[in-house]
Amino acid sequence: MSKDKKKPNFISTGLVTNNRRANFDYAIEQKMTAGLQLLGTEVKSLRLGHANINEAYGVERDGEIFMLNMFIAEYSNKGYASHEEKRPRKLLLRHREIIEITNALARKGATLVALRLFFDDHGRAKLEIGLGKGKKNFDKRETIKNRDIDRKIRLKDY
């Protein structure tokens, strides 16, 4: 048996989870990547892929940006320390980016949405966030129509 055998289902780099509904429910105008301020058990749980960002959204509090409603499951092998599953998590952004996001959120209808949660090449947890506006029902029908047209065009090419 080899000594360097890795654990199954262990994510060291790459995608943990993504929000597939975000592009359907929101018209994303701008994307950016932010670090996350996490606890140790949260990182261990993320490495096992136990996260959900489908309902996550960002707010500004005291000049900082926080993600609310982001679910990271409790780590099963925890000791005495644990974390809340849906606690507010601070985003690590540059001051210029915080000002830009705060100004965008001040506009009516603007929302900060979580798009992807992943580990970068250095093994750090990163969150891709998008600034966008909520779509109306007719916008969603337009999205579905365009997707069907693109699918038909792709099938004709083959």
Protein backbone atom coordinates (compact mmCIF):
# COMPACT_ATOMS: atom_id res chain seq x y z
CA MET A 1 0.00 0.00 0.00
CA SER A 2 1.42 3.42 -0.91
CA LYS A 3 2.01 6.03 1.76
CA ASP A 4 0.79 9.00 -0.27
CA LYS A 5 -2.75 7.66 -0.68
CA LYS A 6 -5.24 10.54 -0.66
CA LYS A 7 -8.63 10.61 0.99
CA PRO A 8 -11.56 10.05 -1.36
CA ASN A 9 -13.85 13.04 -2.02
CA PHE A 10 -11.24 15.48 -0.69
CA ILE A 11 -11.11 18.79 -2.60
CA SER A 12 -7.71 20.48 -2.46
CA THR A 13 -8.18 22.74 -5.50
CA GLY A 14 -11.12 23.26 -7.79
CA LEU A 15 -14.87 23.74 -7.62
CA VAL A 16 -16.75 23.06 -4.39
CA THR A 17 -20.20 24.22 -5.49
CA ASN A 18 -21.83 26.61 -7.92
CA ASN A 19 -25.12 28.52 -8.07
CA ARG A 20 -26.80 27.39 -11.27
CA ARG A 21 -29.95 29.47 -10.67
CA ALA A 22 -28.05 32.76 -10.40
CA ASN A 23 -27.79 33.37 -14.15
CA PHE A 24 -31.43 32.42 -14.57
CA ASP A 25 -32.81 34.63 -11.77
CA TYR A 26 -30.41 37.58 -12.16
CA ALA A 27 -28.92 39.58 -15.01
CA ILE A 28 -25.27 39.53 -13.88
CA GLU A 29 -23.52 42.76 -14.87
CA GLN A 30 -20.15 42.32 -13.18
CA LYS A 31 -18.23 39.40 -11.67
CA MET A 32 -15.39 39.45 -9.15
CA THR A 33 -13.56 37.01 -6.91
CA ALA A 34 -13.32 37.43 -3.14
CA GLY A 35 -11.68 35.54 -0.32
CA LEU A 36 -13.71 34.31 2.64
CA GLN A 37 -13.03 34.67 6.34
CA LEU A 38 -13.69 31.12 7.57
CA LEU A 39 -13.21 29.02 10.68
CA GLY A 40 -11.19 25.80 10.66
CA THR A 41 -14.17 23.46 10.74
CA GLU A 42 -15.75 25.38 7.87
CA VAL A 43 -12.69 24.84 5.68
CA LYS A 44 -12.65 21.12 6.52
CA SER A 45 -16.33 20.84 5.66
CA LEU A 46 -15.76 22.70 2.37
CA ARG A 47 -12.94 20.33 1.45
CA LEU A 48 -15.49 17.52 1.71
CA GLY A 49 -17.85 19.48 -0.56
CA HIS A 50 -20.56 20.09 2.06
CA ALA A 51 -21.75 23.56 1.04
CA ASN A 52 -24.69 25.26 -0.66
CA ILE A 53 -24.67 28.83 -1.99
CA ASN A 54 -27.99 28.82 -3.87
CA GLU A 55 -29.68 31.25 -1.45
CA ALA A 56 -26.58 33.32 -0.60
CA TYR A 57 -26.58 37.07 -1.08
CA GLY A 58 -24.31 39.93 -0.03
CA VAL A 59 -24.94 42.96 2.18
CA GLU A 60 -22.83 45.90 3.34
CA ARG A 61 -22.36 46.44 7.09
CA ASP A 62 -20.03 49.02 8.65
CA GLY A 63 -17.96 49.40 5.48
CA GLU A 64 -17.52 45.64 5.02
CA ILE A 65 -19.26 43.14 2.75
CA PHE A 66 -20.84 40.00 4.25
CA MET A 67 -22.46 36.97 2.62
CA LEU A 68 -25.68 35.87 4.30
CA ASN A 69 -27.57 32.59 3.98
CA MET A 70 -24.50 30.69 2.78
CA PHE A 71 -24.77 27.11 4.07
CA ILE A 72 -21.66 25.21 5.15
CA ALA A 73 -22.50 21.98 6.94
CA GLU A 74 -21.03 21.14 10.33
CA TYR A 75 -17.84 19.13 10.18
CA SER A 76 -18.62 15.61 11.38
CA ASN A 77 -15.25 14.97 13.12
CA LYS A 78 -15.28 18.21 15.08
CA GLY A 79 -13.86 18.37 18.57
CA TYR A 80 -14.99 20.98 21.03
CA ALA A 81 -15.19 23.77 18.43
CA SER A 82 -17.83 24.06 15.77
CA HIS A 83 -19.52 26.71 13.65
CA GLU A 84 -22.99 27.93 12.79
CA GLU A 85 -24.13 26.58 9.44
CA LYS A 86 -25.66 29.81 8.09
CA ARG A 87 -23.68 32.52 9.89
CA PRO A 88 -22.71 35.78 8.11
CA ARG A 89 -19.30 35.37 6.48
CA LYS A 90 -17.04 38.32 5.75
CA LEU A 91 -15.73 38.73 2.21
CA LEU A 92 -12.08 39.69 1.87
CA LEU A 93 -11.96 42.42 -0.77
CA ARG A 94 -9.84 45.44 -1.61
CA HIS A 95 -11.07 48.81 -0.40
CA ARG A 96 -11.71 49.95 -3.97
CA GLU A 97 -13.87 46.87 -4.62
CA ILE A 98 -15.85 47.41 -1.40
CA ILE A 99 -16.64 50.99 -2.42
CA GLU A 100 -17.67 49.83 -5.90
CA ILE A 101 -19.97 47.14 -4.50
CA THR A 102 -21.46 49.50 -1.89
CA ASN A 103 -22.27 52.08 -4.58
CA ALA A 104 -23.81 49.40 -6.78
CA LEU A 105 -25.95 48.02 -3.93
CA ALA A 106 -27.27 51.53 -3.25
CA ARG A 107 -28.94 51.49 -6.67
CA LYS A 108 -32.48 50.22 -6.72
CA GLY A 109 -32.80 46.54 -7.59
CA ALA A 110 -29.08 45.71 -7.42
CA THR A 111 -28.11 42.47 -5.68
CA LEU A 112 -24.83 40.80 -4.77
CA VAL A 113 -25.14 37.07 -5.52
CA ALA A 114 -22.77 34.15 -4.91
CA LEU A 115 -21.93 32.38 -8.18
CA ARG A 116 -19.19 29.81 -7.45
CA LEU A 117 -17.31 28.57 -4.40
CA PHE A 118 -13.91 27.04 -5.11
CA PHE A 119 -10.37 26.49 -3.87
CA ASP A 120 -7.69 28.34 -5.86
CA ASP A 121 -4.26 26.97 -6.82
CA HIS A 122 -2.88 27.87 -3.38
CA GLY A 123 -5.68 25.97 -1.59
CA ARG A 124 -7.51 29.10 -0.40
CA ALA A 125 -11.31 29.22 -0.39
CA LYS A 126 -12.59 31.80 -2.88
CA LEU A 127 -16.08 32.95 -3.78
CA GLU A 128 -17.00 34.31 -7.19
CA ILE A 129 -19.66 36.97 -6.68
CA GLY A 130 -21.78 38.79 -9.21
CA LEU A 131 -23.48 42.18 -9.15
CA GLY A 132 -26.77 42.01 -10.93
CA LYS A 133 -30.43 42.87 -11.08
CA GLY A 134 -33.31 40.49 -10.61
CA LYS A 135 -35.02 39.34 -13.79
CA LYS A 136 -38.74 39.60 -14.37
CA ASN A 137 -40.75 36.64 -15.67
CA PHE A 138 -40.59 37.85 -19.28
CA ASP A 139 -36.78 38.11 -19.00
CA LYS A 140 -36.66 34.51 -17.79
CA ARG A 141 -38.79 33.38 -20.73
CA GLU A 142 -36.37 35.20 -23.04
CA THR A 143 -33.46 33.34 -21.41
CA ILE A 144 -35.20 29.99 -21.90
CA LYS A 145 -35.97 30.84 -25.55
CA ASN A 146 -32.34 31.83 -26.27
CA ARG A 147 -31.06 28.67 -24.58
CA ASP A 148 -33.37 26.50 -26.70
CA ILE A 149 -32.28 28.27 -29.90
CA ASP A 150 -28.60 27.78 -29.01
CA ARG A 151 -29.23 24.11 -28.27
CA LYS A 152 -30.92 23.60 -31.65
CA ILE A 153 -28.06 25.34 -33.46
CA ARG A 154 -25.50 23.14 -31.69
CA LEU A 155 -27.43 19.98 -32.61
CA LYS A 156 -27.60 21.02 -36.29
CA ASP A 157 -23.80 21.41 -36.36
CA TYR A 158 -23.33 17.75 -35.42
